C-alpha cells in the first residue's frame, strides 16, 4: 500500500501529467472533437492497461490502495513511459527500496587526483543533491565554482536562482529543463532526505521557472550530450559531456567535458586551465 501522503500526491501528479501527453490516435483511439482536455481519459488508460477504471481513478486520485508491480507495468505500457519514467513510477509506488541517505558526501584523494589529471578537460564531482563537491582548474575557469558561495555550489540552485551563473550557460532554457527532469529522477530515491525537501521547497517558492518545470513531472536519466558555455573572455565553448558513476552509494557522479578533435573549442581549452591558476 502506498501510505505516504506526499508520495501518493507525487504519484497522482505524475500519472496525470503523463496521461495528458498521450495523443489518443497514437494508441489506436479516436481523437474526437468532443475532448475537452488533451491526452487520454482515465477510463482509456484503464482499458489500455487492462485494469478497472474505478481502481485506476482511485490510484490517480492519490487514495491509499494496494498496487502490484504487474499492474504498474501495465500502466507504464499504456502511458508509453520511457525506461526511466517506468523506474520512477515504481519508486513513487514504493515498489523499489529507497536509498539510505549517507551521513556525509566525501570525495577521495584518488578522485581528486583524477580530476586534476584530466586538465585541460573540465571535470567536476556532483553529489546526490547536485552539490558541486570537487572540480579541477578548467571546470573552475569555465563555471566559476570556487567563487560561488553556499547554495550557489548547487547546480540546480545556480541555474534558477543565480543570474551570474546562468549567464555562463549558452542554452539555459534547454539546460534547465533537462536538469529538472534528471534531478527529479534522483530526488525520488531519497523521499526522507531533508536536504532535498528544503532545496525543492526553496526553488518552488522563489523561481517561477523551476515551479513550472517541476509541475510537468518529466523524468530523465543520465545521458551524454552537448553543453554550451559562455566564458567572459574566451567566448563560447561547445563541449560534449558524459557522466560517470563513482564507486560507493549515494549517487555521486563525475561529469567530464570534452571537445571535438580539431574544433575551436579544443584550442580554447588549452587556454582555459592556466587562467584558473592565475586569476
Protein backbone atom coordinates (compact mmCIF):
# COMPACT_ATOMS: atom_id res chain seq x y z
CA UNK A 1 0.00 0.00 0.00
CA UNK A 2 1.24 3.49 -0.86
CA UNK A 3 0.89 5.01 2.60
CA UNK A 4 2.82 8.30 2.49
CA UNK A 5 0.56 11.24 1.63
CA UNK A 6 3.31 13.26 -0.17
CA UNK A 7 4.26 10.11 -2.09
CA UNK A 8 0.65 9.48 -3.17
CA UNK A 9 0.34 13.10 -4.25
CA UNK A 10 3.54 12.85 -6.28
CA UNK A 11 2.33 9.63 -7.90
CA UNK A 12 -1.03 11.23 -8.68
CA UNK A 13 0.55 14.23 -10.38
CA UNK A 14 2.97 12.04 -12.31
CA UNK A 15 0.21 9.83 -13.70
CA UNK A 16 -1.95 12.81 -14.58
CA UNK A 17 0.81 14.66 -16.44
CA UNK A 18 1.90 11.53 -18.33
CA UNK A 19 -1.70 10.82 -19.32
CA UNK A 20 -2.06 14.36 -20.70
CA UNK A 21 0.93 13.83 -23.02
CA UNK A 22 -0.54 10.87 -24.92
CA UNK A 23 -2.20 11.56 -28.26
CA UNK A 24 -5.24 9.21 -28.42
CA UNK A 25 -4.69 8.37 -32.08
CA UNK A 26 -1.16 7.15 -31.26
CA UNK A 27 -2.62 4.34 -29.15
CA UNK A 28 -5.41 3.44 -31.56
CA UNK A 29 -8.17 5.55 -30.02
CA UNK A 30 -10.44 8.02 -31.77
CA UNK A 31 -9.32 11.60 -31.19
CA UNK A 32 -12.80 13.09 -31.25
CA UNK A 33 -13.68 16.77 -31.30
CA UNK A 34 -15.61 16.48 -28.03
CA UNK A 35 -12.47 16.05 -25.94
CA UNK A 36 -12.16 18.96 -23.53
CA UNK A 37 -8.66 18.21 -22.28
CA UNK A 38 -5.53 16.94 -24.02
CA UNK A 39 -4.38 13.37 -23.74
CA UNK A 40 -6.16 10.24 -22.61
CA UNK A 41 -9.11 9.92 -20.28
CA UNK A 42 -8.68 7.86 -17.12
CA UNK A 43 -11.05 5.23 -18.49
CA UNK A 44 -8.91 4.89 -21.60
CA UNK A 45 -5.74 4.38 -19.57
CA UNK A 46 -7.51 1.69 -17.57
CA UNK A 47 -8.68 0.00 -20.78
CA UNK A 48 -5.20 0.00 -22.29
CA UNK A 49 -3.67 -1.25 -19.03
CA UNK A 50 -6.33 -3.96 -18.68
CA UNK A 51 -7.38 -2.81 -15.21
CA UNK A 52 -10.60 -1.45 -13.75
CA UNK A 53 -11.43 2.19 -14.43
CA UNK A 54 -12.58 2.77 -10.84
CA UNK A 55 -9.37 1.27 -9.47
CA UNK A 56 -7.18 3.40 -11.75
CA UNK A 57 -9.16 6.54 -10.85
CA UNK A 58 -8.58 5.87 -7.15
CA UNK A 59 -4.86 5.40 -7.81
CA UNK A 60 -4.58 8.65 -9.75
CA UNK A 61 -6.57 10.48 -7.10
CA UNK A 62 -3.95 9.53 -4.54
CA UNK A 63 -6.13 7.21 -2.47
CA UNK A 64 -4.30 4.63 -0.28
CA UNK A 65 -4.75 1.41 -2.26
CA UNK A 66 -2.67 -1.70 -2.88
CA UNK A 67 -0.75 -1.87 -6.14
CA UNK A 68 1.39 -4.60 -7.70
CA UNK A 69 4.42 -4.40 -9.96
CA UNK A 70 2.46 -6.14 -12.74
CA UNK A 71 -0.28 -3.51 -12.63
CA UNK A 72 2.30 -0.73 -12.67
CA UNK A 73 3.94 -2.30 -15.72
CA UNK A 74 0.55 -2.35 -17.46
CA UNK A 75 0.02 1.33 -16.68
CA UNK A 76 3.55 2.12 -17.87
CA UNK A 77 2.85 0.41 -21.20
CA UNK A 78 -0.47 2.22 -21.56
CA UNK A 79 1.18 5.58 -20.93
CA UNK A 80 4.16 4.70 -23.13
CA UNK A 81 6.62 5.53 -20.38
CA UNK A 82 10.34 5.52 -21.04
CA UNK A 83 12.53 3.14 -19.02
CA UNK A 84 13.46 5.99 -16.68
CA UNK A 85 9.83 7.04 -16.28
CA UNK A 86 8.87 3.39 -15.61
CA UNK A 87 11.51 3.18 -12.87
CA UNK A 88 10.26 6.48 -11.44
CA UNK A 89 6.69 5.15 -11.37
CA UNK A 90 7.79 2.09 -9.40
CA UNK A 91 9.76 4.26 -6.97
CA UNK A 92 6.77 6.51 -6.32
CA UNK A 93 4.58 3.47 -5.74
CA UNK A 94 7.04 2.09 -3.20
CA UNK A 95 7.89 -0.96 -5.32
CA UNK A 96 11.65 -0.39 -5.09
CA UNK A 97 13.73 0.08 -1.95
CA UNK A 98 14.59 3.67 -1.15
CA UNK A 99 18.25 4.51 -0.73
CA UNK A 100 19.73 5.08 2.70
CA UNK A 101 20.96 8.67 2.94
CA UNK A 102 24.72 8.83 3.60
CA UNK A 103 25.75 10.93 6.60
CA UNK A 104 28.28 12.87 4.56
CA UNK A 105 29.36 13.04 0.93
CA UNK A 106 33.11 12.80 0.50
CA UNK A 107 35.46 12.89 -2.44
CA UNK A 108 38.52 10.70 -2.03
CA UNK A 109 42.05 11.87 -2.66
CA UNK A 110 42.26 9.43 -5.56
CA UNK A 111 39.23 11.02 -7.26
CA UNK A 112 40.74 14.46 -6.73
CA UNK A 113 43.93 13.31 -8.44
CA UNK A 114 41.88 12.01 -11.36
CA UNK A 115 40.14 15.40 -11.65
CA UNK A 116 43.47 17.23 -11.73
CA UNK A 117 44.89 14.73 -14.20
CA UNK A 118 42.03 15.41 -16.62
CA UNK A 119 43.04 19.05 -17.14
CA UNK A 120 42.64 20.77 -19.57
CA UNK A 121 39.36 18.85 -19.83
CA UNK A 122 36.85 20.41 -17.41
CA UNK A 123 35.62 17.87 -14.85
CA UNK A 124 33.78 18.02 -11.55
CA UNK A 125 32.11 15.76 -8.99
CA UNK A 126 28.39 16.16 -8.32
CA UNK A 127 26.67 14.91 -5.15
CA UNK A 128 23.25 13.29 -4.94
CA UNK A 129 21.54 16.69 -4.48
CA UNK A 130 23.67 18.09 -7.31
CA UNK A 131 26.02 19.93 -4.97
CA UNK A 132 29.45 20.53 -6.51
CA UNK A 133 31.83 18.54 -4.29
CA UNK A 134 35.10 18.92 -6.20
CA UNK A 135 36.40 20.25 -9.51
CA UNK A 136 39.57 20.80 -11.48
CA UNK A 137 41.10 24.07 -12.67
CA UNK A 138 39.46 24.01 -16.10
CA UNK A 139 35.98 23.42 -14.69
CA UNK A 140 36.50 26.28 -12.25
CA UNK A 141 37.61 28.62 -15.02
CA UNK A 142 34.58 27.64 -17.08
CA UNK A 143 31.87 27.67 -14.38
CA UNK A 144 33.44 29.74 -11.57
CA UNK A 145 32.74 27.18 -8.84
CA UNK A 146 35.32 28.46 -6.36
CA UNK A 147 33.70 31.91 -6.12
CA UNK A 148 30.19 30.51 -5.63
CA UNK A 149 29.01 30.90 -2.01
CA UNK A 150 26.84 28.43 -0.07
CA UNK A 151 23.79 27.38 -2.10
CA UNK A 152 25.39 28.57 -5.35
CA UNK A 153 27.58 25.46 -5.16
CA UNK A 154 24.47 23.55 -6.17
CA UNK A 155 23.93 23.21 -9.92
CA UNK A 156 20.13 23.34 -9.82
CA UNK A 157 20.11 26.33 -7.45
CA UNK A 158 22.58 28.30 -9.55
CA UNK A 159 20.59 27.60 -12.71
CA UNK A 160 17.37 29.03 -11.28
CA UNK A 161 18.46 31.42 -8.54
CA UNK A 162 21.81 32.88 -9.61
CA UNK A 163 21.77 35.08 -12.75
CA UNK A 164 25.58 35.32 -12.76
CA UNK A 165 25.87 31.54 -13.00
CA UNK A 166 23.05 31.15 -15.50
CA UNK A 167 24.69 33.53 -17.97
CA UNK A 168 27.60 31.07 -18.19
CA UNK A 169 25.32 28.59 -19.99
CA UNK A 170 24.90 29.02 -23.72
CA UNK A 171 21.47 27.37 -23.85
CA UNK A 172 19.95 27.97 -20.40
CA UNK A 173 16.34 27.02 -21.22
CA UNK A 174 17.29 23.58 -22.51
CA UNK A 175 19.78 23.12 -19.68
CA UNK A 176 17.18 23.98 -17.04
CA UNK A 177 14.57 21.62 -18.47
CA UNK A 178 16.97 18.69 -18.64
CA UNK A 179 18.38 19.45 -15.20
CA UNK A 180 14.96 19.43 -13.55
CA UNK A 181 13.97 16.14 -15.22
CA UNK A 182 17.22 14.45 -14.16
CA UNK A 183 17.12 15.97 -10.68
CA UNK A 184 13.57 14.68 -10.14
CA UNK A 185 14.64 11.14 -11.05
CA UNK A 186 17.30 11.21 -8.33
CA UNK A 187 15.14 13.01 -5.74
CA UNK A 188 12.52 10.23 -5.92
CA UNK A 189 15.09 7.83 -4.45
CA UNK A 190 15.50 9.97 -1.32
CA UNK A 191 11.99 10.81 -0.05
CA UNK A 192 13.22 11.16 3.53
CA UNK A 193 16.23 13.37 2.81
CA UNK A 194 15.51 16.80 4.37
CA UNK A 195 18.14 18.38 2.15
CA UNK A 196 16.15 17.51 -0.96
CA UNK A 197 12.92 18.76 0.59
CA UNK A 198 14.48 22.05 1.64
CA UNK A 199 16.09 22.65 -1.75
CA UNK A 200 12.96 21.81 -3.74
CA UNK A 201 10.76 23.96 -1.49
CA UNK A 202 13.15 26.88 -1.87
CA UNK A 203 13.22 26.60 -5.66
CA UNK A 204 9.45 26.18 -5.97
CA UNK A 205 8.90 29.23 -3.78
CA UNK A 206 11.46 31.54 -5.35
CA UNK A 207 11.65 30.51 -9.01
CA UNK A 208 8.61 30.58 -11.27
CA UNK A 209 10.62 28.77 -13.96
CA UNK A 210 11.51 25.91 -11.65
CA UNK A 211 7.96 25.75 -10.32
CA UNK A 212 6.58 25.38 -13.84
CA UNK A 213 9.08 22.72 -14.91
CA UNK A 214 8.68 20.79 -11.66
CA UNK A 215 4.92 20.69 -12.15
CA UNK A 216 5.39 18.97 -15.52
CA UNK A 217 6.79 15.84 -13.80
CA UNK A 218 9.27 14.98 -16.54
CA UNK A 219 11.99 12.49 -15.55
CA UNK A 220 15.22 11.73 -17.36
CA UNK A 221 18.21 9.55 -16.62
CA UNK A 222 21.85 10.50 -17.03
CA UNK A 223 22.69 10.98 -20.69
CA UNK A 224 25.64 12.06 -22.78
CA UNK A 225 25.19 15.17 -24.89
CA UNK A 226 26.30 18.70 -25.66
CA UNK A 227 26.70 21.59 -23.26
CA UNK A 228 27.32 25.17 -24.28
CA UNK A 229 29.14 27.63 -22.03
CA UNK A 230 29.88 31.31 -22.35
CA UNK A 231 33.25 32.33 -20.95
CA UNK A 232 33.56 36.08 -20.21
CA UNK A 233 36.90 36.31 -22.06
CA UNK A 234 37.22 33.30 -24.34
CA UNK A 235 33.65 33.26 -25.63
CA UNK A 236 31.57 30.20 -26.48
CA UNK A 237 32.59 26.64 -25.60
CA UNK A 238 30.74 23.73 -27.23
CA UNK A 239 31.53 20.63 -25.20
CA UNK A 240 30.43 17.02 -25.10
CA UNK A 241 29.66 15.78 -21.61
CA UNK A 242 29.49 12.34 -20.05
CA UNK A 243 28.55 11.34 -16.52
CA UNK A 244 30.47 8.62 -14.70
CA UNK A 245 29.22 6.90 -11.56
CA UNK A 246 31.77 6.81 -8.76
CA UNK A 247 32.16 3.74 -6.51
CA UNK A 248 30.03 3.56 -3.38
CA UNK A 249 26.46 4.52 -2.51
CA UNK A 250 24.77 7.88 -2.80
CA UNK A 251 24.55 8.81 -6.50
CA UNK A 252 27.85 10.68 -6.57
CA UNK A 253 28.87 11.31 -10.18
CA UNK A 254 31.85 12.67 -12.06
CA UNK A 255 30.98 14.87 -15.04
CA UNK A 256 33.66 15.18 -17.73
CA UNK A 257 33.52 17.67 -20.60
CA UNK A 258 35.42 17.14 -23.85
CA UNK A 259 35.77 18.98 -27.14
CA UNK A 260 35.57 17.57 -30.66
CA UNK A 261 39.10 16.96 -32.04
CA UNK A 262 40.28 19.85 -34.16
CA UNK A 263 37.47 22.14 -33.07
CA UNK A 264 37.80 25.74 -31.99
CA UNK A 265 36.72 24.73 -28.51
CA UNK A 266 39.58 22.23 -28.26
CA UNK A 267 42.03 25.08 -28.89
CA UNK A 268 40.32 27.25 -26.30
CA UNK A 269 40.57 24.52 -23.65
CA UNK A 270 44.35 24.85 -23.71
CA UNK A 271 43.94 28.49 -22.71
CA UNK A 272 41.37 27.78 -20.02
CA UNK A 273 43.32 25.95 -17.30
CA UNK A 274 46.18 28.48 -16.99
CA UNK A 275 43.60 31.22 -16.40
CA UNK A 276 42.16 29.26 -13.50
CA UNK A 277 45.56 29.18 -11.85
CA UNK A 278 46.45 32.83 -12.31
CA UNK A 279 43.04 34.51 -11.70
